[in-house]
PDB file of N, CA and C in Angstrom:
ATOM      1  N   MET A   1      12.058  21.528 -17.895  1.00  0.00           N
ATOM      2  CA  MET A   1      10.745  21.072 -18.328  1.00  0.00           C
ATOM      3  C   MET A   1      10.639  19.567 -18.096  1.00  0.00           C
ATOM      4  N   TYR A   2       9.555  19.153 -17.546  1.00  0.00           N
ATOM      5  CA  TYR A   2       9.339  17.733 -17.283  1.00  0.00           C
ATOM      6  C   TYR A   2       8.541  17.108 -18.426  1.00  0.00           C
ATOM      7  N   ASN A   3       8.923  15.892 -18.807  1.00  0.00           N
ATOM      8  CA  ASN A   3       8.160  15.195 -19.844  1.00  0.00           C
ATOM      9  C   ASN A   3       6.872  14.620 -19.242  1.00  0.00           C
ATOM     10  N   SER A   4       5.996  14.131 -20.085  1.00  0.00           N
ATOM     11  CA  SER A   4       4.673  13.670 -19.631  1.00  0.00           C
ATOM     12  C   SER A   4       4.759  12.453 -18.707  1.00  0.00           C
ATOM     13  N   ILE A   5       5.764  11.609 -18.878  1.00  0.00           N
ATOM     14  CA  ILE A   5       5.924  10.436 -18.000  1.00  0.00           C
ATOM     15  C   ILE A   5       6.232  10.894 -16.583  1.00  0.00           C
ATOM     16  N   ILE A   6       7.195  11.800 -16.458  1.00  0.00           N
ATOM     17  CA  ILE A   6       7.592  12.304 -15.141  1.00  0.00           C
ATOM     18  C   ILE A   6       6.427  13.038 -14.488  1.00  0.00           C
ATOM     19  N   VAL A   7       5.744  13.887 -15.233  1.00  0.00           N
ATOM     20  CA  VAL A   7       4.601  14.633 -14.689  1.00  0.00           C
ATOM     21  C   VAL A   7       3.533  13.673 -14.183  1.00  0.00           C
ATOM     22  N   ASP A   8       3.217  12.647 -14.956  1.00  0.00           N
ATOM     23  CA  ASP A   8       2.181  11.685 -14.570  1.00  0.00           C
ATOM     24  C   ASP A   8       2.533  10.970 -13.270  1.00  0.00           C
ATOM     25  N   TYR A   9       3.734  10.405 -13.198  1.00  0.00           N
ATOM     26  CA  TYR A   9       4.114   9.639 -12.008  1.00  0.00           C
ATOM     27  C   TYR A   9       4.359  10.526 -10.793  1.00  0.00           C
ATOM     28  N   PHE A  10       4.833  11.751 -11.007  1.00  0.00           N
ATOM     29  CA  PHE A  10       5.046  12.653  -9.880  1.00  0.00           C
ATOM     30  C   PHE A  10       3.717  13.164  -9.329  1.00  0.00           C
ATOM     31  N   SER A  11       2.800  13.518 -10.211  1.00  0.00           N
ATOM     32  CA  SER A  11       1.533  14.105  -9.763  1.00  0.00           C
ATOM     33  C   SER A  11       0.520  13.066  -9.284  1.00  0.00           C
ATOM     34  N   LYS A  12       0.679  11.811  -9.728  1.00  0.00           N
ATOM     35  CA  LYS A  12      -0.240  10.745  -9.304  1.00  0.00           C
ATOM     36  C   LYS A  12       0.561   9.501  -8.902  1.00  0.00           C
ATOM     37  N   PRO A  13       1.296   9.590  -7.799  1.00  0.00           N
ATOM     38  CA  PRO A  13       2.107   8.429  -7.397  1.00  0.00           C
ATOM     39  C   PRO A  13       1.231   7.225  -7.082  1.00  0.00           C
ATOM     40  N   ARG A  14       1.680   6.071  -7.531  1.00  0.00           N
ATOM     41  CA  ARG A  14       0.913   4.842  -7.350  1.00  0.00           C
ATOM     42  C   ARG A  14       1.416   3.987  -6.189  1.00  0.00           C
ATOM     43  N   HIS A  15       2.691   4.164  -5.822  1.00  0.00           N
ATOM     44  CA  HIS A  15       3.289   3.229  -4.865  1.00  0.00           C
ATOM     45  C   HIS A  15       4.007   3.912  -3.709  1.00  0.00           C
ATOM     46  N   SER A  16       3.728   5.163  -3.469  1.00  0.00           N
ATOM     47  CA  SER A  16       4.339   5.880  -2.360  1.00  0.00           C
ATOM     48  C   SER A  16       3.734   5.383  -1.051  1.00  0.00           C
ATOM     49  N   GLY A  17       4.568   5.217  -0.034  1.00  0.00           N
ATOM     50  CA  GLY A  17       4.063   4.798   1.262  1.00  0.00           C
ATOM     51  C   GLY A  17       4.999   3.831   1.947  1.00  0.00           C
ATOM     52  N   ASP A  18       4.484   3.166   2.952  1.00  0.00           N
ATOM     53  CA  ASP A  18       5.275   2.235   3.747  1.00  0.00           C
ATOM     54  C   ASP A  18       4.665   0.840   3.639  1.00  0.00           C
ATOM     55  N   MET A  19       5.463  -0.146   3.989  1.00  0.00           N
ATOM     56  CA  MET A  19       5.003  -1.533   3.955  1.00  0.00           C
ATOM     57  C   MET A  19       5.527  -2.246   5.200  1.00  0.00           C
ATOM     58  N   ILE A  20       4.642  -2.876   5.929  1.00  0.00           N
ATOM     59  CA  ILE A  20       5.017  -3.572   7.159  1.00  0.00           C
ATOM     60  C   ILE A  20       5.622  -4.938   6.874  1.00  0.00           C
ATOM     61  N   ASP A  21       5.110  -5.650   5.890  1.00  0.00           N
ATOM     62  CA  ASP A  21       5.526  -7.040   5.665  1.00  0.00           C
ATOM     63  C   ASP A  21       6.535  -7.212   4.527  1.00  0.00           C
ATOM     64  N   ALA A  22       7.335  -6.177   4.266  1.00  0.00           N
ATOM     65  CA  ALA A  22       8.366  -6.280   3.221  1.00  0.00           C
ATOM     66  C   ALA A  22       9.432  -7.285   3.642  1.00  0.00           C
ATOM     67  N   ASN A  23      10.005  -7.970   2.662  1.00  0.00           N
ATOM     68  CA  ASN A  23      11.121  -8.864   2.971  1.00  0.00           C
ATOM     69  C   ASN A  23      12.403  -8.456   2.245  1.00  0.00           C
ATOM     70  N   ARG A  24      12.366  -7.314   1.577  1.00  0.00           N
ATOM     71  CA  ARG A  24      13.565  -6.729   0.961  1.00  0.00           C
ATOM     72  C   ARG A  24      13.488  -5.216   1.097  1.00  0.00           C
ATOM     73  N   GLU A  25      14.639  -4.623   1.307  1.00  0.00           N
ATOM     74  CA  GLU A  25      14.707  -3.169   1.383  1.00  0.00           C
ATOM     75  C   GLU A  25      15.863  -2.669   0.530  1.00  0.00           C
ATOM     76  N   LEU A  26      15.606  -1.622  -0.226  1.00  0.00           N
ATOM     77  CA  LEU A  26      16.627  -0.988  -1.050  1.00  0.00           C
ATOM     78  C   LEU A  26      16.789   0.450  -0.582  1.00  0.00           C
ATOM     79  N   LYS A  27      18.007   0.944  -0.650  1.00  0.00           N
ATOM     80  CA  LYS A  27      18.251   2.359  -0.351  1.00  0.00           C
ATOM     81  C   LYS A  27      19.207   2.880  -1.407  1.00  0.00           C
ATOM     82  N   ILE A  28      18.779   3.917  -2.076  1.00  0.00           N
ATOM     83  CA  ILE A  28      19.582   4.545  -3.115  1.00  0.00           C
ATOM     84  C   ILE A  28      19.722   6.016  -2.765  1.00  0.00           C
ATOM     85  N   GLY A  29      20.934   6.513  -2.858  1.00  0.00           N
ATOM     86  CA  GLY A  29      21.166   7.928  -2.606  1.00  0.00           C
ATOM     87  C   GLY A  29      22.097   8.512  -3.643  1.00  0.00           C
ATOM     88  N   ASN A  30      21.915   9.773  -3.920  1.00  0.00           N
ATOM     89  CA  ASN A  30      22.786  10.490  -4.838  1.00  0.00           C
ATOM     90  C   ASN A  30      23.470  11.584  -4.032  1.00  0.00           C
ATOM     91  N   SER A  31      24.759  11.426  -3.799  1.00  0.00           N
ATOM     92  CA  SER A  31      25.483  12.361  -2.945  1.00  0.00           C
ATOM     93  C   SER A  31      25.621  13.748  -3.567  1.00  0.00           C
ATOM     94  N   VAL A  32      25.493  13.848  -4.874  1.00  0.00           N
ATOM     95  CA  VAL A  32      25.641  15.141  -5.544  1.00  0.00           C
ATOM     96  C   VAL A  32      24.428  16.033  -5.286  1.00  0.00           C
ATOM     97  N   CYS A  33      23.228  15.482  -5.455  1.00  0.00           N
ATOM     98  CA  CYS A  33      22.022  16.307  -5.335  1.00  0.00           C
ATOM     99  C   CYS A  33      21.224  16.033  -4.060  1.00  0.00           C
ATOM    100  N   GLY A  34      21.546  14.956  -3.360  1.00  0.00           N
ATOM    101  CA  GLY A  34      20.844  14.642  -2.122  1.00  0.00           C
ATOM    102  C   GLY A  34      19.594  13.800  -2.274  1.00  0.00           C
ATOM    103  N   ASP A  35      19.240  13.414  -3.495  1.00  0.00           N
ATOM    104  CA  ASP A  35      18.069  12.553  -3.697  1.00  0.00           C
ATOM    105  C   ASP A  35      18.277  11.235  -2.961  1.00  0.00           C
ATOM    106  N   THR A  36      17.243  10.773  -2.273  1.00  0.00           N
ATOM    107  CA  THR A  36      17.312   9.509  -1.543  1.00  0.00           C
ATOM    108  C   THR A  36      16.000   8.762  -1.723  1.00  0.00           C
ATOM    109  N   ILE A  37      16.114   7.456  -1.990  1.00  0.00           N
ATOM    110  CA  ILE A  37      14.937   6.604  -2.140  1.00  0.00           C
ATOM    111  C   ILE A  37      15.080   5.411  -1.211  1.00  0.00           C
ATOM    112  N   PHE A  38      14.061   5.196  -0.390  1.00  0.00           N
ATOM    113  CA  PHE A  38      13.955   4.005   0.449  1.00  0.00           C
ATOM    114  C   PHE A  38      12.823   3.168  -0.132  1.00  0.00           C
ATOM    115  N   MET A  39      13.124   1.959  -0.548  1.00  0.00           N
ATOM    116  CA  MET A  39      12.134   1.100  -1.199  1.00  0.00           C
ATOM    117  C   MET A  39      11.966  -0.172  -0.387  1.00  0.00           C
ATOM    118  N   LYS A  40      10.721  -0.521  -0.094  1.00  0.00           N
ATOM    119  CA  LYS A  40      10.408  -1.793   0.561  1.00  0.00           C
ATOM    120  C   LYS A  40       9.680  -2.665  -0.450  1.00  0.00           C
ATOM    121  N   ILE A  41      10.120  -3.915  -0.524  1.00  0.00           N
ATOM    122  CA  ILE A  41       9.599  -4.835  -1.530  1.00  0.00           C
ATOM    123  C   ILE A  41       9.198  -6.139  -0.868  1.00  0.00           C
ATOM    124  N   LYS A  42       8.088  -6.697  -1.320  1.00  0.00           N
ATOM    125  CA  LYS A  42       7.667  -8.017  -0.864  1.00  0.00           C
ATOM    126  C   LYS A  42       7.802  -8.976  -2.039  1.00  0.00           C
ATOM    127  N   VAL A  43       8.643 -10.000  -1.845  1.00  0.00           N
ATOM    128  CA  VAL A  43       8.873 -11.023  -2.862  1.00  0.00           C
ATOM    129  C   VAL A  43       8.356 -12.348  -2.321  1.00  0.00           C
ATOM    130  N   MET A  44       7.534 -13.022  -3.106  1.00  0.00           N
ATOM    131  CA  MET A  44       7.032 -14.350  -2.738  1.00  0.00           C
ATOM    132  C   MET A  44       7.257 -15.282  -3.921  1.00  0.00           C
ATOM    133  N   ASP A  45       7.876 -16.420  -3.646  1.00  0.00           N
ATOM    134  CA  ASP A  45       8.151 -17.418  -4.684  1.00  0.00           C
ATOM    135  C   ASP A  45       8.879 -16.809  -5.885  1.00  0.00           C
ATOM    136  N   GLY A  46       9.830 -15.914  -5.602  1.00  0.00           N
ATOM    137  CA  GLY A  46      10.638 -15.321  -6.657  1.00  0.00           C
ATOM    138  C   GLY A  46       9.971 -14.223  -7.455  1.00  0.00           C
ATOM    139  N   LYS A  47       8.771 -13.804  -7.023  1.00  0.00           N
ATOM    140  CA  LYS A  47       8.014 -12.793  -7.762  1.00  0.00           C
ATOM    141  C   LYS A  47       7.730 -11.593  -6.857  1.00  0.00           C
ATOM    142  N   VAL A  48       7.887 -10.395  -7.388  1.00  0.00           N
ATOM    143  CA  VAL A  48       7.595  -9.179  -6.635  1.00  0.00           C
ATOM    144  C   VAL A  48       6.079  -9.010  -6.582  1.00  0.00           C
ATOM    145  N   VAL A  49       5.528  -9.026  -5.377  1.00  0.00           N
ATOM    146  CA  VAL A  49       4.077  -8.888  -5.238  1.00  0.00           C
ATOM    147  C   VAL A  49       3.662  -7.491  -4.784  1.00  0.00           C
ATOM    148  N   ASP A  50       4.605  -6.728  -4.219  1.00  0.00           N
ATOM    149  CA  ASP A  50       4.287  -5.360  -3.820  1.00  0.00           C
ATOM    150  C   ASP A  50       5.580  -4.582  -3.633  1.00  0.00           C
ATOM    151  N   ALA A  51       5.481  -3.277  -3.769  1.00  0.00           N
ATOM    152  CA  ALA A  51       6.619  -2.385  -3.555  1.00  0.00           C
ATOM    153  C   ALA A  51       6.088  -1.024  -3.124  1.00  0.00           C
ATOM    154  N   LYS A  52       6.710  -0.464  -2.120  1.00  0.00           N
ATOM    155  CA  LYS A  52       6.360   0.868  -1.625  1.00  0.00           C
ATOM    156  C   LYS A  52       7.658   1.631  -1.406  1.00  0.00           C
ATOM    157  N   TYR A  53       7.587   2.927  -1.491  1.00  0.00           N
ATOM    158  CA  TYR A  53       8.797   3.726  -1.322  1.00  0.00           C
ATOM    159  C   TYR A  53       8.501   5.027  -0.595  1.00  0.00           C
ATOM    160  N   LYS A  54       9.570   5.566  -0.040  1.00  0.00           N
ATOM    161  CA  LYS A  54       9.605   6.938   0.449  1.00  0.00           C
ATOM    162  C   LYS A  54      10.783   7.567  -0.272  1.00  0.00           C
ATOM    163  N   ALA A  55      10.549   8.692  -0.901  1.00  0.00           N
ATOM    164  CA  ALA A  55      11.601   9.339  -1.682  1.00  0.00           C
ATOM    165  C   ALA A  55      11.698  10.806  -1.303  1.00  0.00           C
ATOM    166  N   TYR A  56      12.917  11.293  -1.326  1.00  0.00           N
ATOM    167  CA  TYR A  56      13.200  12.679  -0.986  1.00  0.00           C
ATOM    168  C   TYR A  56      14.101  13.242  -2.073  1.00  0.00           C
ATOM    169  N   GLY A  57      13.677  14.318  -2.702  1.00  0.00           N
ATOM    170  CA  GLY A  57      14.487  14.913  -3.755  1.00  0.00           C
ATOM    171  C   GLY A  57      13.633  15.627  -4.774  1.00  0.00           C
ATOM    172  N   CYS A  58      14.146  15.702  -5.972  1.00  0.00           N
ATOM    173  CA  CYS A  58      13.463  16.417  -7.047  1.00  0.00           C
ATOM    174  C   CYS A  58      12.274  15.603  -7.586  1.00  0.00           C
ATOM    175  N   ALA A  59      11.448  16.262  -8.367  1.00  0.00           N
ATOM    176  CA  ALA A  59      10.267  15.608  -8.942  1.00  0.00           C
ATOM    177  C   ALA A  59      10.650  14.405  -9.793  1.00  0.00           C
ATOM    178  N   THR A  60      11.732  14.513 -10.544  1.00  0.00           N
ATOM    179  CA  THR A  60      12.150  13.406 -11.405  1.00  0.00           C
ATOM    180  C   THR A  60      12.585  12.209 -10.571  1.00  0.00           C
ATOM    181  N   SER A  61      13.247  12.464  -9.464  1.00  0.00           N
ATOM    182  CA  SER A  61      13.677  11.383  -8.575  1.00  0.00           C
ATOM    183  C   SER A  61      12.474  10.659  -7.969  1.00  0.00           C
ATOM    184  N   LEU A  62      11.487  11.419  -7.510  1.00  0.00           N
ATOM    185  CA  LEU A  62      10.292  10.806  -6.941  1.00  0.00           C
ATOM    186  C   LEU A  62       9.547   9.997  -7.995  1.00  0.00           C
ATOM    187  N   ALA A  63       9.437  10.535  -9.194  1.00  0.00           N
ATOM    188  CA  ALA A  63       8.789   9.803 -10.283  1.00  0.00           C
ATOM    189  C   ALA A  63       9.576   8.540 -10.623  1.00  0.00           C
ATOM    190  N   THR A  64      10.902   8.613 -10.574  1.00  0.00           N
ATOM    191  CA  THR A  64      11.754   7.454 -10.856  1.00  0.00           C
ATOM    192  C   THR A  64      11.434   6.305  -9.911  1.00  0.00           C
ATOM    193  N   ALA A  65      11.281   6.603  -8.629  1.00  0.00           N
ATOM    194  CA  ALA A  65      10.946   5.567  -7.647  1.00  0.00           C
ATOM    195  C   ALA A  65       9.609   4.921  -7.985  1.00  0.00           C
ATOM    196  N   ASP A  66       8.635   5.729  -8.356  1.00  0.00           N
ATOM    197  CA  ASP A  66       7.308   5.212  -8.663  1.00  0.00           C
ATOM    198  C   ASP A  66       7.313   4.387  -9.954  1.00  0.00           C
ATOM    199  N   ILE A  67       8.054   4.835 -10.944  1.00  0.00           N
ATOM    200  CA  ILE A  67       8.173   4.104 -12.210  1.00  0.00           C
ATOM    201  C   ILE A  67       8.823   2.747 -11.969  1.00  0.00           C
ATOM    202  N   PHE A  68       9.874   2.724 -11.150  1.00  0.00           N
ATOM    203  CA  PHE A  68      10.556   1.469 -10.830  1.00  0.00           C
ATOM    204  C   PHE A  68       9.598   0.509 -10.131  1.00  0.00           C
ATOM    205  N   ALA A  69       8.896   0.990  -9.101  1.00  0.00           N
ATOM    206  CA  ALA A  69       7.951   0.139  -8.370  1.00  0.00           C
ATOM    207  C   ALA A  69       6.866  -0.384  -9.304  1.00  0.00           C
ATOM    208  N   ASP A  70       6.340   0.484 -10.134  1.00  0.00           N
ATOM    209  CA  ASP A  70       5.290   0.092 -11.071  1.00  0.00           C
ATOM    210  C   ASP A  70       5.778  -1.010 -12.013  1.00  0.00           C
ATOM    211  N   TYR A  71       7.023  -0.900 -12.442  1.00  0.00           N
ATOM    212  CA  TYR A  71       7.567  -1.892 -13.372  1.00  0.00           C
ATOM    213  C   TYR A  71       7.779  -3.252 -12.706  1.00  0.00           C
ATOM    214  N   ILE A  72       8.336  -3.275 -11.496  1.00  0.00           N
ATOM    215  CA  ILE A  72       8.736  -4.560 -10.901  1.00  0.00           C
ATOM    216  C   ILE A  72       7.573  -5.362 -10.337  1.00  0.00           C
ATOM    217  N   ILE A  73       6.501  -4.705  -9.918  1.00  0.00           N
ATOM    218  CA  ILE A  73       5.375  -5.425  -9.316  1.00  0.00           C
ATOM    219  C   ILE A  73       4.766  -6.372 -10.350  1.00  0.00           C
ATOM    220  N   GLY A  74       4.628  -7.633  -9.942  1.00  0.00           N
ATOM    221  CA  GLY A  74       4.053  -8.651 -10.811  1.00  0.00           C
ATOM    222  C   GLY A  74       5.077  -9.399 -11.638  1.00  0.00           C
ATOM    223  N   LYS A  75       6.343  -8.985 -11.538  1.00  0.00           N
ATOM    224  CA  LYS A  75       7.392  -9.652 -12.317  1.00  0.00           C
ATOM    225  C   LYS A  75       8.275 -10.505 -11.416  1.00  0.00           C
ATOM    226  N   SER A  76       8.810 -11.561 -11.993  1.00  0.00           N
ATOM    227  CA  SER A  76       9.772 -12.379 -11.258  1.00  0.00           C
ATOM    228  C   SER A  76      11.122 -11.674 -11.281  1.00  0.00           C
ATOM    229  N   ILE A  77      11.967 -12.036 -10.323  1.00  0.00           N
ATOM    230  CA  ILE A  77      13.318 -11.482 -10.293  1.00  0.00           C
ATOM    231  C   ILE A  77      14.041 -11.839 -11.595  1.00  0.00           C
ATOM    232  N   ALA A  78      13.798 -13.042 -12.110  1.00  0.00           N
ATOM    233  CA  ALA A  78      14.421 -13.460 -13.373  1.00  0.00           C
ATOM    234  C   ALA A  78      13.992 -12.547 -14.521  1.00  0.00           C
ATOM    235  N   GLU A  79      12.704 -12.202 -14.583  1.00  0.00           N
ATOM    236  CA  GLU A  79      12.214 -11.292 -15.629  1.00  0.00           C
ATOM    237  C   GLU A  79      12.870  -9.921 -15.510  1.00  0.00           C
ATOM    238  N   ILE A  80      12.976  -9.444 -14.289  1.00  0.00           N
ATOM    239  CA  ILE A  80      13.593  -8.137 -14.053  1.00  0.00           C
ATOM    240  C   ILE A  80      15.042  -8.153 -14.532  1.00  0.00           C
ATOM    241  N   GLY A  81      15.730  -9.258 -14.300  1.00  0.00           N
ATOM    242  CA  GLY A  81      17.120  -9.390 -14.703  1.00  0.00           C
ATOM    243  C   GLY A  81      17.331  -9.445 -16.201  1.00  0.00           C
ATOM    244  N   GLN A  82      16.287  -9.734 -16.957  1.00  0.00           N
ATOM    245  CA  GLN A  82      16.404  -9.814 -18.416  1.00  0.00           C
ATOM    246  C   GLN A  82      16.241  -8.460 -19.108  1.00  0.00           C
ATOM    247  N   LEU A  83      15.854  -7.452 -18.344  1.00  0.00           N
ATOM    248  CA  LEU A  83      15.653  -6.128 -18.924  1.00  0.00           C
ATOM    249  C   LEU A  83      16.992  -5.568 -19.405  1.00  0.00           C
ATOM    250  N   LEU A  84      17.014  -5.063 -20.609  1.00  0.00           N
ATOM    251  CA  LEU A  84      18.237  -4.532 -21.205  1.00  0.00           C
ATOM    252  C   LEU A  84      18.449  -3.068 -20.821  1.00  0.00           C
ATOM    253  N   THR A  85      19.702  -2.645 -20.826  1.00  0.00           N
ATOM    254  CA  THR A  85      20.056  -1.284 -20.430  1.00  0.00           C
ATOM    255  C   THR A  85      19.268  -0.235 -21.205  1.00  0.00           C
ATOM    256  N   HIS A  86      19.155  -0.386 -22.510  1.00  0.00           N
ATOM    257  CA  HIS A  86      18.440   0.632 -23.294  1.00  0.00           C
ATOM    258  C   HIS A  86      16.943   0.645 -22.971  1.00  0.00           C
ATOM    259  N   GLU A  87      16.409  -0.478 -22.499  1.00  0.00           N
ATOM    260  CA  GLU A  87      14.998  -0.507 -22.091  1.00  0.00           C
ATOM    261  C   GLU A  87      14.816   0.263 -20.786  1.00  0.00           C
ATOM    262  N   ILE A  88      15.774   0.122 -19.883  1.00  0.00           N
ATOM    263  CA  ILE A  88      15.734   0.888 -18.632  1.00  0.00           C
ATOM    264  C   ILE A  88      15.826   2.379 -18.950  1.00  0.00           C
ATOM    265  N   ASP A  89      16.745   2.733 -19.845  1.00  0.00           N
ATOM    266  CA  ASP A  89      16.939   4.143 -20.205  1.00  0.00           C
ATOM    267  C   ASP A  89      15.668   4.792 -20.746  1.00  0.00           C
ATOM    268  N   ARG A  90      14.830   4.042 -21.437  1.00  0.00           N
ATOM    269  CA  ARG A  90      13.599   4.594 -22.025  1.00  0.00           C
ATOM    270  C   ARG A  90      12.477   4.775 -21.000  1.00  0.00           C
ATOM    271  N   MET A  91      12.588   4.150 -19.843  1.00  0.00           N
ATOM    272  CA  MET A  91      11.494   4.202 -18.862  1.00  0.00           C
ATOM    273  C   MET A  91      11.162   5.617 -18.399  1.00  0.00           C
ATOM    274  N   LEU A  92      12.156   6.481 -18.337  1.00  0.00           N
ATOM    275  CA  LEU A  92      11.930   7.836 -17.840  1.00  0.00           C
ATOM    276  C   LEU A  92      11.601   8.831 -18.947  1.00  0.00           C
ATOM    277  N   GLY A  93      11.631   8.387 -20.195  1.00  0.00           N
ATOM    278  CA  GLY A  93      11.383   9.294 -21.311  1.00  0.00           C
ATOM    279  C   GLY A  93      12.572  10.213 -21.539  1.00  0.00           C
ATOM    280  N   ASP A  94      12.353  11.260 -22.317  1.00  0.00           N
ATOM    281  CA  ASP A  94      13.416  12.228 -22.599  1.00  0.00           C
ATOM    282  C   ASP A  94      13.620  13.126 -21.388  1.00  0.00           C
ATOM    283  N   LEU A  95      14.868  13.222 -20.954  1.00  0.00           N
ATOM    284  CA  LEU A  95      15.195  14.026 -19.781  1.00  0.00           C
ATOM    285  C   LEU A  95      16.053  15.220 -20.169  1.00  0.00           C
ATOM    286  N   GLU A  96      15.889  16.297 -19.425  1.00  0.00           N
ATOM    287  CA  GLU A  96      16.751  17.470 -19.562  1.00  0.00           C
ATOM    288  C   GLU A  96      18.083  17.162 -18.874  1.00  0.00           C
ATOM    289  N   PRO A  97      19.160  17.846 -19.247  1.00  0.00           N
ATOM    290  CA  PRO A  97      20.463  17.567 -18.616  1.00  0.00           C
ATOM    291  C   PRO A  97      20.455  17.553 -17.083  1.00  0.00           C
ATOM    292  N   PRO A  98      19.762  18.489 -16.396  1.00  0.00           N
ATOM    293  CA  PRO A  98      19.777  18.435 -14.927  1.00  0.00           C
ATOM    294  C   PRO A  98      19.039  17.217 -14.334  1.00  0.00           C
ATOM    295  N   GLN A  99      18.255  16.522 -15.158  1.00  0.00           N
ATOM    296  CA  GLN A  99      17.500  15.358 -14.685  1.00  0.00           C
ATOM    297  C   GLN A  99      18.222  14.040 -14.951  1.00  0.00           C
ATOM    298  N   MET A 100      19.303  14.076 -15.707  1.00  0.00           N
ATOM    299  CA  MET A 100      19.973  12.850 -16.151  1.00  0.00           C
ATOM    300  C   MET A 100      20.485  11.990 -14.997  1.00  0.00           C
ATOM    301  N   HIS A 101      20.765  12.604 -13.851  1.00  0.00           N
ATOM    302  CA  HIS A 101      21.238  11.813 -12.707  1.00  0.00           C
ATOM    303  C   HIS A 101      20.199  10.776 -12.279  1.00  0.00           C
ATOM    304  N   CYS A 102      18.948  11.002 -12.610  1.00  0.00           N
ATOM    305  CA  CYS A 102      17.898  10.052 -12.227  1.00  0.00           C
ATOM    306  C   CYS A 102      17.991   8.749 -13.013  1.00  0.00           C
ATOM    307  N   LEU A 103      18.615   8.773 -14.180  1.00  0.00           N
ATOM    308  CA  LEU A 103      18.882   7.516 -14.891  1.00  0.00           C
ATOM    309  C   LEU A 103      19.825   6.647 -14.071  1.00  0.00           C
ATOM    310  N   ASN A 104      20.826   7.279 -13.448  1.00  0.00           N
ATOM    311  CA  ASN A 104      21.734   6.524 -12.580  1.00  0.00           C
ATOM    312  C   ASN A 104      20.988   5.940 -11.390  1.00  0.00           C
ATOM    313  N   ILE A 105      20.078   6.714 -10.825  1.00  0.00           N
ATOM    314  CA  ILE A 105      19.273   6.223  -9.705  1.00  0.00           C
ATOM    315  C   ILE A 105      18.462   5.009 -10.146  1.00  0.00           C
ATOM    316  N   LEU A 106      17.838   5.094 -11.316  1.00  0.00           N
ATOM    317  CA  LEU A 106      17.033   3.983 -11.820  1.00  0.00           C
ATOM    318  C   LEU A 106      17.893   2.736 -12.032  1.00  0.00           C
ATOM    319  N   HIS A 107      19.049   2.906 -12.651  1.00  0.00           N
ATOM    320  CA  HIS A 107      19.952   1.766 -12.861  1.00  0.00           C
ATOM    321  C   HIS A 107      20.410   1.181 -11.523  1.00  0.00           C
ATOM    322  N   ASP A 108      20.685   2.049 -10.549  1.00  0.00           N
ATOM    323  CA  ASP A 108      21.093   1.575  -9.222  1.00  0.00           C
ATOM    324  C   ASP A 108      19.990   0.756  -8.559  1.00  0.00           C
ATOM    325  N   LEU A 109      18.739   1.174  -8.721  1.00  0.00           N
ATOM    326  CA  LEU A 109      17.622   0.401  -8.164  1.00  0.00           C
ATOM    327  C   LEU A 109      17.567  -0.990  -8.786  1.00  0.00           C
ATOM    328  N   PHE A 110      17.710  -1.067 -10.096  1.00  0.00           N
ATOM    329  CA  PHE A 110      17.699  -2.372 -10.766  1.00  0.00           C
ATOM    330  C   PHE A 110      18.877  -3.232 -10.310  1.00  0.00           C
ATOM    331  N   GLU A 111      20.062  -2.639 -10.227  1.00  0.00           N
ATOM    332  CA  GLU A 111      21.234  -3.399  -9.780  1.00  0.00           C
ATOM    333  C   GLU A 111      21.043  -3.919  -8.363  1.00  0.00           C
ATOM    334  N   GLN A 112      20.493  -3.082  -7.494  1.00  0.00           N
ATOM    335  CA  GLN A 112      20.334  -3.480  -6.102  1.00  0.00           C
ATOM    336  C   GLN A 112      19.310  -4.597  -5.931  1.00  0.00           C
ATOM    337  N   ILE A 113      18.191  -4.531  -6.624  1.00  0.00           N
ATOM    338  CA  ILE A 113      17.197  -5.600  -6.471  1.00  0.00           C
ATOM    339  C   ILE A 113      17.749  -6.924  -6.993  1.00  0.00           C
ATOM    340  N   LEU A 114      18.554  -6.865  -8.046  1.00  0.00           N
ATOM    341  CA  LEU A 114      19.121  -8.098  -8.601  1.00  0.00           C
ATOM    342  C   LEU A 114      20.252  -8.640  -7.737  1.00  0.00           C
ATOM    343  N   SER A 115      20.985  -7.769  -7.067  1.00  0.00           N
ATOM    344  CA  SER A 115      22.093  -8.233  -6.231  1.00  0.00           C
ATOM    345  C   SER A 115      21.599  -8.919  -4.963  1.00  0.00           C
ATOM    346  N   GLU A 116      20.369  -8.623  -4.562  1.00  0.00           N
ATOM    347  CA  GLU A 116      19.808  -9.230  -3.354  1.00  0.00           C
ATOM    348  C   GLU A 116      18.982 -10.469  -3.664  1.00  0.00           C
ATOM    349  N   ALA A 117      18.949 -10.868  -4.923  1.00  0.00           N
ATOM    350  CA  ALA A 117      18.127 -12.025  -5.330  1.00  0.00           C
ATOM    351  C   ALA A 117      18.712 -13.327  -4.820  1.00  0.00           C
TER     352      ALA A 117
END
């Protein structure tokens, strides 16, 4: 069963697509289930101004990519780095056991954007 957050972002994606003028690219994959997210990000003056993704996998994985993009747009890299682990964990809402791997995907996205700062 999907929670309302996952259903909303999966059924009405806000940031799915491609970006020509990105200056950062993230790639996250889960070797266990095959979920893969390609994220293109445009950062100007230390602030994320746009993010687009292509994701392949389960509904929760696709929603995870959209939730991440929605969160980072408009924030500085410094602001993103101040987010606490338990705040990241709450972004996806309550997950069923088979969906828990998407928390790892979300954490990996945050780690990757901060490592490229």
